[in-house]
Amino acid sequence: MTTAIILIALALIIIYAGPTLLFICVGYADYVLERRRHLVAVKHAVRRRSDEF
């Protein structure tokens, strides 16, 4: 019985916090992709700079 109550409570939390959780996940994924893109740009810039010497 306790397990059922816990599962129902978790389901209600997920239902009510669903949009917020989705927003957080999408925001974090966007941050990670943007950070990767920046690091790749820096890596290419460093490689170009070292080719000049």
PDB file of N, CA and C in Angstrom:
ATOM      1  N   MET A   1       0.833  -1.203   0.000  1.00  0.00           N
ATOM      2  CA  MET A   1       0.000   0.000   0.000  1.00  0.00           C
ATOM      3  C   MET A   1       0.878   1.268   0.000  1.00  0.00           C
ATOM      4  N   THR A   2       1.944   1.217   0.773  1.00  0.00           N
ATOM      5  CA  THR A   2       2.840   2.376   0.831  1.00  0.00           C
ATOM      6  C   THR A   2       3.485   2.632  -0.532  1.00  0.00           C
ATOM      7  N   THR A   3       3.843   1.560  -1.217  1.00  0.00           N
ATOM      8  CA  THR A   3       4.461   1.703  -2.536  1.00  0.00           C
ATOM      9  C   THR A   3       3.500   2.380  -3.505  1.00  0.00           C
ATOM     10  N   ALA A   4       2.233   2.008  -3.445  1.00  0.00           N
ATOM     11  CA  ALA A   4       1.232   2.610  -4.326  1.00  0.00           C
ATOM     12  C   ALA A   4       1.096   4.099  -4.039  1.00  0.00           C
ATOM     13  N   ILE A   5       1.104   4.491  -2.783  1.00  0.00           N
ATOM     14  CA  ILE A   5       0.984   5.909  -2.422  1.00  0.00           C
ATOM     15  C   ILE A   5       2.200   6.680  -2.924  1.00  0.00           C
ATOM     16  N   ILE A   6       3.376   6.091  -2.766  1.00  0.00           N
ATOM     17  CA  ILE A   6       4.599   6.742  -3.245  1.00  0.00           C
ATOM     18  C   ILE A   6       4.560   6.909  -4.760  1.00  0.00           C
ATOM     19  N   LEU A   7       4.131   5.865  -5.465  1.00  0.00           N
ATOM     20  CA  LEU A   7       4.062   5.951  -6.927  1.00  0.00           C
ATOM     21  C   LEU A   7       3.047   6.986  -7.385  1.00  0.00           C
ATOM     22  N   ILE A   8       1.905   7.052  -6.704  1.00  0.00           N
ATOM     23  CA  ILE A   8       0.889   8.053  -7.045  1.00  0.00           C
ATOM     24  C   ILE A   8       1.438   9.462  -6.787  1.00  0.00           C
ATOM     25  N   ALA A   9       2.135   9.633  -5.669  1.00  0.00           N
ATOM     26  CA  ALA A   9       2.717  10.943  -5.356  1.00  0.00           C
ATOM     27  C   ALA A   9       3.754  11.337  -6.402  1.00  0.00           C
ATOM     28  N   LEU A  10       4.604  10.408  -6.797  1.00  0.00           N
ATOM     29  CA  LEU A  10       5.600  10.694  -7.837  1.00  0.00           C
ATOM     30  C   LEU A  10       4.930  11.049  -9.165  1.00  0.00           C
ATOM     31  N   ALA A  11       3.877  10.320  -9.507  1.00  0.00           N
ATOM     32  CA  ALA A  11       3.155  10.599 -10.746  1.00  0.00           C
ATOM     33  C   ALA A  11       2.556  12.002 -10.710  1.00  0.00           C
ATOM     34  N   LEU A  12       1.979  12.393  -9.578  1.00  0.00           N
ATOM     35  CA  LEU A  12       1.397  13.736  -9.463  1.00  0.00           C
ATOM     36  C   LEU A  12       2.476  14.817  -9.566  1.00  0.00           C
ATOM     37  N   ILE A  13       3.615  14.571  -8.949  1.00  0.00           N
ATOM     38  CA  ILE A  13       4.711  15.542  -9.027  1.00  0.00           C
ATOM     39  C   ILE A  13       5.177  15.686 -10.467  1.00  0.00           C
ATOM     40  N   ILE A  14       5.331  14.568 -11.160  1.00  0.00           N
ATOM     41  CA  ILE A  14       5.785  14.609 -12.560  1.00  0.00           C
ATOM     42  C   ILE A  14       4.753  15.301 -13.442  1.00  0.00           C
ATOM     43  N   ILE A  15       3.468  15.055 -13.181  1.00  0.00           N
ATOM     44  CA  ILE A  15       2.412  15.687 -13.984  1.00  0.00           C
ATOM     45  C   ILE A  15       2.424  17.199 -13.794  1.00  0.00           C
ATOM     46  N   TYR A  16       2.503  17.638 -12.548  1.00  0.00           N
ATOM     47  CA  TYR A  16       2.468  19.078 -12.289  1.00  0.00           C
ATOM     48  C   TYR A  16       3.776  19.772 -12.638  1.00  0.00           C
ATOM     49  N   ALA A  17       4.889  19.095 -12.507  1.00  0.00           N
ATOM     50  CA  ALA A  17       6.191  19.713 -12.793  1.00  0.00           C
ATOM     51  C   ALA A  17       6.687  19.379 -14.193  1.00  0.00           C
ATOM     52  N   GLY A  18       5.896  18.683 -14.968  1.00  0.00           N
ATOM     53  CA  GLY A  18       6.303  18.259 -16.304  1.00  0.00           C
ATOM     54  C   GLY A  18       6.819  19.377 -17.181  1.00  0.00           C
ATOM     55  N   PRO A  19       6.041  20.453 -17.376  1.00  0.00           N
ATOM     56  CA  PRO A  19       6.525  21.550 -18.229  1.00  0.00           C
ATOM     57  C   PRO A  19       7.812  22.184 -17.704  1.00  0.00           C
ATOM     58  N   THR A  20       7.901  22.325 -16.398  1.00  0.00           N
ATOM     59  CA  THR A  20       9.109  22.911 -15.812  1.00  0.00           C
ATOM     60  C   THR A  20      10.306  21.998 -16.029  1.00  0.00           C
ATOM     61  N   LEU A  21      10.123  20.700 -15.809  1.00  0.00           N
ATOM     62  CA  LEU A  21      11.213  19.752 -16.026  1.00  0.00           C
ATOM     63  C   LEU A  21      11.634  19.730 -17.486  1.00  0.00           C
ATOM     64  N   LEU A  22      10.673  19.789 -18.371  1.00  0.00           N
ATOM     65  CA  LEU A  22      10.981  19.814 -19.802  1.00  0.00           C
ATOM     66  C   LEU A  22      11.771  21.073 -20.153  1.00  0.00           C
ATOM     67  N   PHE A  23      11.351  22.207 -19.613  1.00  0.00           N
ATOM     68  CA  PHE A  23      12.045  23.471 -19.850  1.00  0.00           C
ATOM     69  C   PHE A  23      13.486  23.400 -19.360  1.00  0.00           C
ATOM     70  N   ILE A  24      13.698  22.817 -18.180  1.00  0.00           N
ATOM     71  CA  ILE A  24      15.045  22.691 -17.619  1.00  0.00           C
ATOM     72  C   ILE A  24      15.896  21.778 -18.499  1.00  0.00           C
ATOM     73  N   CYS A  25      15.338  20.646 -18.929  1.00  0.00           N
ATOM     74  CA  CYS A  25      16.097  19.701 -19.758  1.00  0.00           C
ATOM     75  C   CYS A  25      16.471  20.318 -21.106  1.00  0.00           C
ATOM     76  N   VAL A  26      15.538  21.000 -21.741  1.00  0.00           N
ATOM     77  CA  VAL A  26      15.806  21.624 -23.034  1.00  0.00           C
ATOM     78  C   VAL A  26      16.841  22.739 -22.872  1.00  0.00           C
ATOM     79  N   GLY A  27      16.710  23.522 -21.811  1.00  0.00           N
ATOM     80  CA  GLY A  27      17.671  24.589 -21.550  1.00  0.00           C
ATOM     81  C   GLY A  27      19.073  24.050 -21.329  1.00  0.00           C
ATOM     82  N   TYR A  28      19.170  22.968 -20.582  1.00  0.00           N
ATOM     83  CA  TYR A  28      20.482  22.376 -20.315  1.00  0.00           C
ATOM     84  C   TYR A  28      21.083  21.798 -21.590  1.00  0.00           C
ATOM     85  N   ALA A  29      20.261  21.134 -22.399  1.00  0.00           N
ATOM     86  CA  ALA A  29      20.750  20.574 -23.657  1.00  0.00           C
ATOM     87  C   ALA A  29      21.249  21.693 -24.574  1.00  0.00           C
ATOM     88  N   ASP A  30      20.526  22.805 -24.615  1.00  0.00           N
ATOM     89  CA  ASP A  30      20.946  23.942 -25.423  1.00  0.00           C
ATOM     90  C   ASP A  30      22.276  24.498 -24.918  1.00  0.00           C
ATOM     91  N   TYR A  31      22.422  24.589 -23.595  1.00  0.00           N
ATOM     92  CA  TYR A  31      23.668  25.075 -23.006  1.00  0.00           C
ATOM     93  C   TYR A  31      24.840  24.167 -23.375  1.00  0.00           C
ATOM     94  N   VAL A  32      24.632  22.847 -23.286  1.00  0.00           N
ATOM     95  CA  VAL A  32      25.709  21.896 -23.593  1.00  0.00           C
ATOM     96  C   VAL A  32      26.113  22.001 -25.063  1.00  0.00           C
ATOM     97  N   LEU A  33      25.125  22.078 -25.950  1.00  0.00           N
ATOM     98  CA  LEU A  33      25.440  22.178 -27.381  1.00  0.00           C
ATOM     99  C   LEU A  33      26.166  23.484 -27.695  1.00  0.00           C
ATOM    100  N   GLU A  34      25.718  24.572 -27.080  1.00  0.00           N
ATOM    101  CA  GLU A  34      26.356  25.863 -27.299  1.00  0.00           C
ATOM    102  C   GLU A  34      27.795  25.854 -26.775  1.00  0.00           C
ATOM    103  N   ARG A  35      28.007  25.227 -25.639  1.00  0.00           N
ATOM    104  CA  ARG A  35      29.357  25.134 -25.057  1.00  0.00           C
ATOM    105  C   ARG A  35      30.270  24.306 -25.965  1.00  0.00           C
ATOM    106  N   ARG A  36      29.741  23.186 -26.487  1.00  0.00           N
ATOM    107  CA  ARG A  36      30.535  22.354 -27.406  1.00  0.00           C
ATOM    108  C   ARG A  36      30.922  23.140 -28.649  1.00  0.00           C
ATOM    109  N   ARG A  37      29.963  23.893 -29.183  1.00  0.00           N
ATOM    110  CA  ARG A  37      30.224  24.684 -30.391  1.00  0.00           C
ATOM    111  C   ARG A  37      31.311  25.717 -30.105  1.00  0.00           C
ATOM    112  N   HIS A  38      31.256  26.332 -28.943  1.00  0.00           N
ATOM    113  CA  HIS A  38      32.274  27.323 -28.571  1.00  0.00           C
ATOM    114  C   HIS A  38      33.646  26.664 -28.435  1.00  0.00           C
ATOM    115  N   LEU A  39      33.701  25.510 -27.795  1.00  0.00           N
ATOM    116  CA  LEU A  39      34.985  24.829 -27.607  1.00  0.00           C
ATOM    117  C   LEU A  39      35.585  24.389 -28.936  1.00  0.00           C
ATOM    118  N   VAL A  40      34.745  23.951 -29.860  1.00  0.00           N
ATOM    119  CA  VAL A  40      35.238  23.559 -31.184  1.00  0.00           C
ATOM    120  C   VAL A  40      35.803  24.781 -31.904  1.00  0.00           C
ATOM    121  N   ALA A  41      35.118  25.922 -31.785  1.00  0.00           N
ATOM    122  CA  ALA A  41      35.613  27.150 -32.427  1.00  0.00           C
ATOM    123  C   ALA A  41      36.950  27.563 -31.832  1.00  0.00           C
ATOM    124  N   VAL A  42      37.083  27.472 -30.517  1.00  0.00           N
ATOM    125  CA  VAL A  42      38.347  27.825 -29.866  1.00  0.00           C
ATOM    126  C   VAL A  42      39.448  26.870 -30.300  1.00  0.00           C
ATOM    127  N   LYS A  43      39.119  25.590 -30.399  1.00  0.00           N
ATOM    128  CA  LYS A  43      40.112  24.585 -30.809  1.00  0.00           C
ATOM    129  C   LYS A  43      40.622  24.883 -32.219  1.00  0.00           C
ATOM    130  N   HIS A  44      39.713  25.235 -33.129  1.00  0.00           N
ATOM    131  CA  HIS A  44      40.126  25.553 -34.497  1.00  0.00           C
ATOM    132  C   HIS A  44      40.960  26.832 -34.528  1.00  0.00           C
ATOM    133  N   ALA A  45      40.591  27.800 -33.704  1.00  0.00           N
ATOM    134  CA  ALA A  45      41.350  29.052 -33.667  1.00  0.00           C
ATOM    135  C   ALA A  45      42.769  28.801 -33.159  1.00  0.00           C
ATOM    136  N   VAL A  46      42.891  27.968 -32.150  1.00  0.00           N
ATOM    137  CA  VAL A  46      44.210  27.645 -31.599  1.00  0.00           C
ATOM    138  C   VAL A  46      45.029  26.903 -32.648  1.00  0.00           C
ATOM    139  N   ARG A  47      44.404  25.990 -33.358  1.00  0.00           N
ATOM    140  CA  ARG A  47      45.113  25.227 -34.392  1.00  0.00           C
ATOM    141  C   ARG A  47      45.589  26.169 -35.496  1.00  0.00           C
ATOM    142  N   ARG A  48      44.725  27.113 -35.916  1.00  0.00           N
ATOM    143  CA  ARG A  48      45.120  28.076 -36.955  1.00  0.00           C
ATOM    144  C   ARG A  48      46.258  28.955 -36.469  1.00  0.00           C
ATOM    145  N   ARG A  49      46.171  29.357 -35.222  1.00  0.00           N
ATOM    146  CA  ARG A  49      47.205  30.231 -34.653  1.00  0.00           C
ATOM    147  C   ARG A  49      48.555  29.506 -34.582  1.00  0.00           C
ATOM    148  N   SER A  50      48.542  28.216 -34.213  1.00  0.00           N
ATOM    149  CA  SER A  50      49.791  27.481 -34.107  1.00  0.00           C
ATOM    150  C   SER A  50      50.386  27.184 -35.485  1.00  0.00           C
ATOM    151  N   ASP A  51      49.556  27.184 -36.519  1.00  0.00           N
ATOM    152  CA  ASP A  51      50.068  26.980 -37.875  1.00  0.00           C
ATOM    153  C   ASP A  51      50.870  28.181 -38.356  1.00  0.00           C
ATOM    154  N   GLU A  52      50.597  29.358 -37.792  1.00  0.00           N
ATOM    155  CA  GLU A  52      51.282  30.564 -38.237  1.00  0.00           C
ATOM    156  C   GLU A  52      52.744  30.579 -37.769  1.00  0.00           C
ATOM    157  N   PHE A  53      53.045  29.926 -36.679  1.00  0.00           N
ATOM    158  CA  PHE A  53      54.392  30.001 -36.126  1.00  0.00           C
ATOM    159  C   PHE A  53      55.348  29.062 -36.789  1.00  0.00           C
TER     160      PHE A  53
END
